N, C-alpha and C. Protein backbone atom coordinates (compact mmCIF):
# COMPACT_ATOMS: atom_id res chain seq x y z
N MET A 1 -28.87 -13.97 4.09
CA MET A 1 -27.98 -13.89 2.95
C MET A 1 -28.68 -13.07 1.86
N THR A 2 -27.98 -12.14 1.31
CA THR A 2 -28.53 -11.29 0.27
C THR A 2 -28.19 -11.83 -1.11
N LYS A 3 -28.81 -11.25 -2.11
CA LYS A 3 -28.54 -11.66 -3.49
C LYS A 3 -27.06 -11.43 -3.83
N ALA A 4 -26.50 -10.32 -3.37
CA ALA A 4 -25.08 -10.03 -3.63
C ALA A 4 -24.18 -11.08 -2.98
N GLU A 5 -24.55 -11.55 -1.80
CA GLU A 5 -23.76 -12.58 -1.13
C GLU A 5 -23.86 -13.92 -1.87
N ILE A 6 -25.03 -14.21 -2.40
CA ILE A 6 -25.20 -15.44 -3.19
C ILE A 6 -24.35 -15.37 -4.45
N VAL A 7 -24.32 -14.20 -5.10
CA VAL A 7 -23.50 -14.01 -6.29
C VAL A 7 -22.03 -14.22 -5.96
N LYS A 8 -21.59 -13.70 -4.83
CA LYS A 8 -20.19 -13.84 -4.42
C LYS A 8 -19.83 -15.32 -4.20
N VAL A 9 -20.69 -16.04 -3.49
CA VAL A 9 -20.44 -17.47 -3.24
C VAL A 9 -20.46 -18.25 -4.55
N LEU A 10 -21.42 -17.95 -5.41
CA LEU A 10 -21.52 -18.63 -6.71
C LEU A 10 -20.27 -18.40 -7.54
N ALA A 11 -19.80 -17.17 -7.57
CA ALA A 11 -18.60 -16.84 -8.34
C ALA A 11 -17.37 -17.59 -7.80
N GLU A 12 -17.24 -17.64 -6.47
CA GLU A 12 -16.09 -18.29 -5.86
C GLU A 12 -16.12 -19.81 -6.03
N LYS A 13 -17.28 -20.43 -5.79
CA LYS A 13 -17.38 -21.88 -5.81
C LYS A 13 -17.31 -22.47 -7.22
N VAL A 14 -17.89 -21.77 -8.19
CA VAL A 14 -17.97 -22.30 -9.54
C VAL A 14 -16.84 -21.76 -10.42
N GLY A 15 -16.22 -20.69 -9.98
CA GLY A 15 -15.13 -20.12 -10.77
C GLY A 15 -15.61 -19.19 -11.87
N LEU A 16 -16.71 -18.52 -11.63
CA LEU A 16 -17.25 -17.56 -12.59
C LEU A 16 -16.83 -16.15 -12.21
N SER A 17 -16.89 -15.25 -13.18
CA SER A 17 -16.69 -13.84 -12.85
C SER A 17 -17.95 -13.36 -12.15
N ARG A 18 -17.87 -12.23 -11.51
CA ARG A 18 -19.05 -11.68 -10.84
C ARG A 18 -20.16 -11.41 -11.83
N ARG A 19 -19.82 -10.88 -12.97
CA ARG A 19 -20.82 -10.56 -14.00
C ARG A 19 -21.54 -11.83 -14.46
N GLU A 20 -20.78 -12.90 -14.67
CA GLU A 20 -21.38 -14.16 -15.08
C GLU A 20 -22.27 -14.74 -13.98
N ALA A 21 -21.81 -14.64 -12.74
CA ALA A 21 -22.60 -15.15 -11.61
C ALA A 21 -23.91 -14.38 -11.47
N VAL A 22 -23.89 -13.07 -11.70
CA VAL A 22 -25.11 -12.25 -11.66
C VAL A 22 -26.08 -12.72 -12.74
N GLN A 23 -25.54 -12.99 -13.93
CA GLN A 23 -26.39 -13.44 -15.03
C GLN A 23 -26.99 -14.82 -14.75
N VAL A 24 -26.19 -15.73 -14.23
CA VAL A 24 -26.68 -17.08 -13.92
C VAL A 24 -27.78 -17.01 -12.87
N LEU A 25 -27.53 -16.29 -11.80
CA LEU A 25 -28.53 -16.17 -10.74
C LEU A 25 -29.79 -15.49 -11.26
N GLY A 26 -29.63 -14.48 -12.10
CA GLY A 26 -30.78 -13.80 -12.69
C GLY A 26 -31.63 -14.72 -13.53
N VAL A 27 -30.98 -15.55 -14.33
CA VAL A 27 -31.72 -16.51 -15.17
C VAL A 27 -32.48 -17.50 -14.30
N VAL A 28 -31.84 -18.01 -13.26
CA VAL A 28 -32.50 -18.97 -12.38
C VAL A 28 -33.70 -18.33 -11.68
N LEU A 29 -33.51 -17.16 -11.10
CA LEU A 29 -34.60 -16.50 -10.39
C LEU A 29 -35.73 -16.10 -11.34
N ASP A 30 -35.39 -15.63 -12.53
CA ASP A 30 -36.41 -15.28 -13.52
C ASP A 30 -37.23 -16.51 -13.91
N GLY A 31 -36.56 -17.64 -14.05
CA GLY A 31 -37.25 -18.89 -14.38
C GLY A 31 -38.19 -19.33 -13.27
N VAL A 32 -37.74 -19.21 -12.03
CA VAL A 32 -38.59 -19.57 -10.89
C VAL A 32 -39.81 -18.67 -10.84
N VAL A 33 -39.60 -17.37 -10.98
CA VAL A 33 -40.71 -16.41 -10.94
C VAL A 33 -41.69 -16.66 -12.09
N ALA A 34 -41.17 -16.90 -13.29
CA ALA A 34 -42.04 -17.14 -14.45
C ALA A 34 -42.88 -18.40 -14.24
N ALA A 35 -42.28 -19.45 -13.70
CA ALA A 35 -43.02 -20.69 -13.46
C ALA A 35 -44.11 -20.48 -12.41
N ILE A 36 -43.79 -19.77 -11.34
CA ILE A 36 -44.78 -19.52 -10.29
C ILE A 36 -45.92 -18.67 -10.84
N LEU A 37 -45.60 -17.65 -11.63
CA LEU A 37 -46.64 -16.81 -12.23
C LEU A 37 -47.54 -17.61 -13.17
N ALA A 38 -46.99 -18.65 -13.79
CA ALA A 38 -47.77 -19.49 -14.69
C ALA A 38 -48.59 -20.52 -13.93
N GLY A 39 -48.49 -20.50 -12.61
CA GLY A 39 -49.26 -21.42 -11.79
C GLY A 39 -48.59 -22.76 -11.58
N GLU A 40 -47.33 -22.87 -11.96
CA GLU A 40 -46.60 -24.13 -11.80
C GLU A 40 -45.95 -24.21 -10.43
N LYS A 41 -45.65 -25.42 -10.01
CA LYS A 41 -44.93 -25.65 -8.77
C LYS A 41 -43.45 -25.79 -9.11
N VAL A 42 -42.59 -25.11 -8.37
CA VAL A 42 -41.14 -25.20 -8.58
C VAL A 42 -40.57 -26.00 -7.41
N GLU A 43 -39.96 -27.13 -7.72
CA GLU A 43 -39.44 -28.01 -6.68
C GLU A 43 -37.93 -28.14 -6.79
N LEU A 44 -37.24 -27.84 -5.70
CA LEU A 44 -35.79 -28.03 -5.60
C LEU A 44 -35.58 -29.13 -4.57
N ARG A 45 -35.34 -30.34 -5.04
CA ARG A 45 -35.25 -31.51 -4.16
C ARG A 45 -34.28 -31.26 -3.00
N GLY A 46 -34.74 -31.58 -1.81
CA GLY A 46 -33.93 -31.41 -0.62
C GLY A 46 -34.03 -30.03 -0.01
N PHE A 47 -34.33 -29.02 -0.82
CA PHE A 47 -34.45 -27.65 -0.33
C PHE A 47 -35.90 -27.30 -0.03
N GLY A 48 -36.76 -27.46 -1.05
CA GLY A 48 -38.16 -27.15 -0.84
C GLY A 48 -38.87 -26.87 -2.14
N SER A 49 -40.14 -26.49 -2.03
CA SER A 49 -40.92 -26.19 -3.22
C SER A 49 -41.64 -24.86 -3.06
N PHE A 50 -41.80 -24.19 -4.19
CA PHE A 50 -42.48 -22.91 -4.25
C PHE A 50 -43.75 -23.09 -5.08
N ARG A 51 -44.83 -22.49 -4.64
CA ARG A 51 -46.08 -22.50 -5.40
C ARG A 51 -46.95 -21.36 -4.89
N THR A 52 -48.14 -21.27 -5.43
CA THR A 52 -49.05 -20.22 -4.99
C THR A 52 -50.22 -20.85 -4.26
N ARG A 53 -50.84 -20.08 -3.41
CA ARG A 53 -52.04 -20.47 -2.71
C ARG A 53 -53.05 -19.34 -2.81
N ALA A 54 -54.31 -19.71 -2.86
CA ALA A 54 -55.37 -18.71 -2.91
C ALA A 54 -55.85 -18.42 -1.49
N ARG A 55 -55.96 -17.16 -1.17
CA ARG A 55 -56.54 -16.75 0.11
C ARG A 55 -57.93 -16.20 -0.16
N GLN A 56 -58.88 -16.61 0.64
CA GLN A 56 -60.24 -16.16 0.46
C GLN A 56 -60.42 -14.74 1.01
N ALA A 57 -61.43 -14.07 0.50
CA ALA A 57 -61.77 -12.74 1.01
C ALA A 57 -62.20 -12.88 2.48
N ARG A 58 -61.94 -11.86 3.26
CA ARG A 58 -62.31 -11.91 4.67
C ARG A 58 -62.53 -10.50 5.19
N THR A 59 -63.02 -10.42 6.40
CA THR A 59 -63.21 -9.13 7.05
C THR A 59 -62.12 -8.99 8.10
N GLY A 60 -61.35 -7.91 8.01
CA GLY A 60 -60.30 -7.65 8.97
C GLY A 60 -60.62 -6.40 9.77
N ARG A 61 -59.68 -5.98 10.58
CA ARG A 61 -59.87 -4.77 11.38
C ARG A 61 -58.66 -3.86 11.22
N ASN A 62 -58.92 -2.59 11.14
CA ASN A 62 -57.86 -1.59 11.13
C ASN A 62 -57.31 -1.53 12.56
N PRO A 63 -56.03 -1.82 12.77
CA PRO A 63 -55.50 -1.86 14.13
C PRO A 63 -55.52 -0.50 14.83
N ARG A 64 -55.48 0.57 14.07
CA ARG A 64 -55.47 1.90 14.67
C ARG A 64 -56.85 2.33 15.14
N THR A 65 -57.86 2.12 14.28
CA THR A 65 -59.20 2.61 14.60
C THR A 65 -60.15 1.51 15.06
N GLY A 66 -59.83 0.27 14.74
CA GLY A 66 -60.71 -0.83 15.10
C GLY A 66 -61.85 -1.01 14.11
N ALA A 67 -61.90 -0.18 13.08
CA ALA A 67 -62.96 -0.27 12.09
C ALA A 67 -62.82 -1.54 11.26
N ARG A 68 -63.95 -2.10 10.85
CA ARG A 68 -63.93 -3.29 10.00
C ARG A 68 -63.48 -2.90 8.60
N VAL A 69 -62.66 -3.77 8.01
CA VAL A 69 -62.12 -3.54 6.67
C VAL A 69 -62.32 -4.81 5.86
N SER A 70 -62.75 -4.65 4.63
CA SER A 70 -62.91 -5.79 3.73
C SER A 70 -61.56 -6.09 3.08
N VAL A 71 -61.07 -7.30 3.27
CA VAL A 71 -59.81 -7.73 2.67
C VAL A 71 -60.15 -8.64 1.49
N PRO A 72 -59.79 -8.25 0.26
CA PRO A 72 -60.17 -9.05 -0.92
C PRO A 72 -59.39 -10.36 -1.00
N SER A 73 -59.90 -11.29 -1.79
CA SER A 73 -59.18 -12.54 -2.02
C SER A 73 -57.93 -12.23 -2.84
N LYS A 74 -56.92 -13.09 -2.68
CA LYS A 74 -55.68 -12.87 -3.43
C LYS A 74 -54.89 -14.16 -3.53
N ILE A 75 -53.94 -14.15 -4.43
CA ILE A 75 -53.02 -15.27 -4.61
C ILE A 75 -51.70 -14.88 -3.94
N VAL A 76 -51.16 -15.77 -3.09
CA VAL A 76 -49.93 -15.46 -2.37
C VAL A 76 -48.90 -16.56 -2.63
N PRO A 77 -47.61 -16.21 -2.60
CA PRO A 77 -46.57 -17.24 -2.76
C PRO A 77 -46.49 -18.09 -1.50
N TYR A 78 -46.11 -19.35 -1.68
CA TYR A 78 -46.01 -20.28 -0.56
C TYR A 78 -44.75 -21.12 -0.73
N PHE A 79 -44.01 -21.30 0.35
CA PHE A 79 -42.80 -22.13 0.33
C PHE A 79 -42.97 -23.26 1.32
N LYS A 80 -42.70 -24.47 0.87
CA LYS A 80 -42.73 -25.64 1.75
C LYS A 80 -41.32 -26.22 1.80
N PRO A 81 -40.67 -26.21 2.96
CA PRO A 81 -39.30 -26.74 3.04
C PRO A 81 -39.25 -28.23 2.75
N GLY A 82 -38.14 -28.66 2.13
CA GLY A 82 -37.93 -30.06 1.83
C GLY A 82 -37.44 -30.83 3.04
N LYS A 83 -37.41 -32.14 2.91
CA LYS A 83 -37.03 -33.02 4.01
C LYS A 83 -35.62 -32.72 4.53
N GLN A 84 -34.66 -32.57 3.61
CA GLN A 84 -33.28 -32.32 4.04
C GLN A 84 -33.16 -31.00 4.79
N LEU A 85 -33.85 -29.96 4.34
CA LEU A 85 -33.81 -28.67 5.02
C LEU A 85 -34.45 -28.77 6.41
N ARG A 86 -35.59 -29.44 6.49
CA ARG A 86 -36.26 -29.61 7.79
C ARG A 86 -35.37 -30.37 8.76
N GLU A 87 -34.73 -31.44 8.27
CA GLU A 87 -33.85 -32.22 9.14
C GLU A 87 -32.63 -31.42 9.58
N ALA A 88 -32.04 -30.63 8.67
CA ALA A 88 -30.89 -29.81 9.01
C ALA A 88 -31.26 -28.77 10.07
N LEU A 89 -32.44 -28.18 9.95
CA LEU A 89 -32.88 -27.20 10.93
C LEU A 89 -33.21 -27.85 12.27
N GLY A 90 -33.67 -29.08 12.22
CA GLY A 90 -34.02 -29.80 13.43
C GLY A 90 -32.80 -30.22 14.24
N ARG A 91 -31.65 -30.30 13.60
CA ARG A 91 -30.41 -30.68 14.30
C ARG A 91 -29.81 -29.55 15.10
N LYS A 92 -30.20 -28.32 14.81
CA LYS A 92 -29.60 -27.17 15.50
C LYS A 92 -30.07 -27.06 16.92
């Protein structure tokens, strides 16, 4: 599902115009991104939680040449599905 499809569903289900639905979705996503950037955990009960994890520096390999490459440490986004989402996926 794309952002445009989410906007369409939001507009239809809530009775908003497309422009309003774009603004609502933008505010929600901006808030989630801002919280994650601030190091906070964003939890949507039943759906899941978003947070960051630190990855340590490591030595990797260039797949083309096989040469060793130093991969620096970094912060990456992490999603953990909630109980309801896991159960719904388990029923399929």
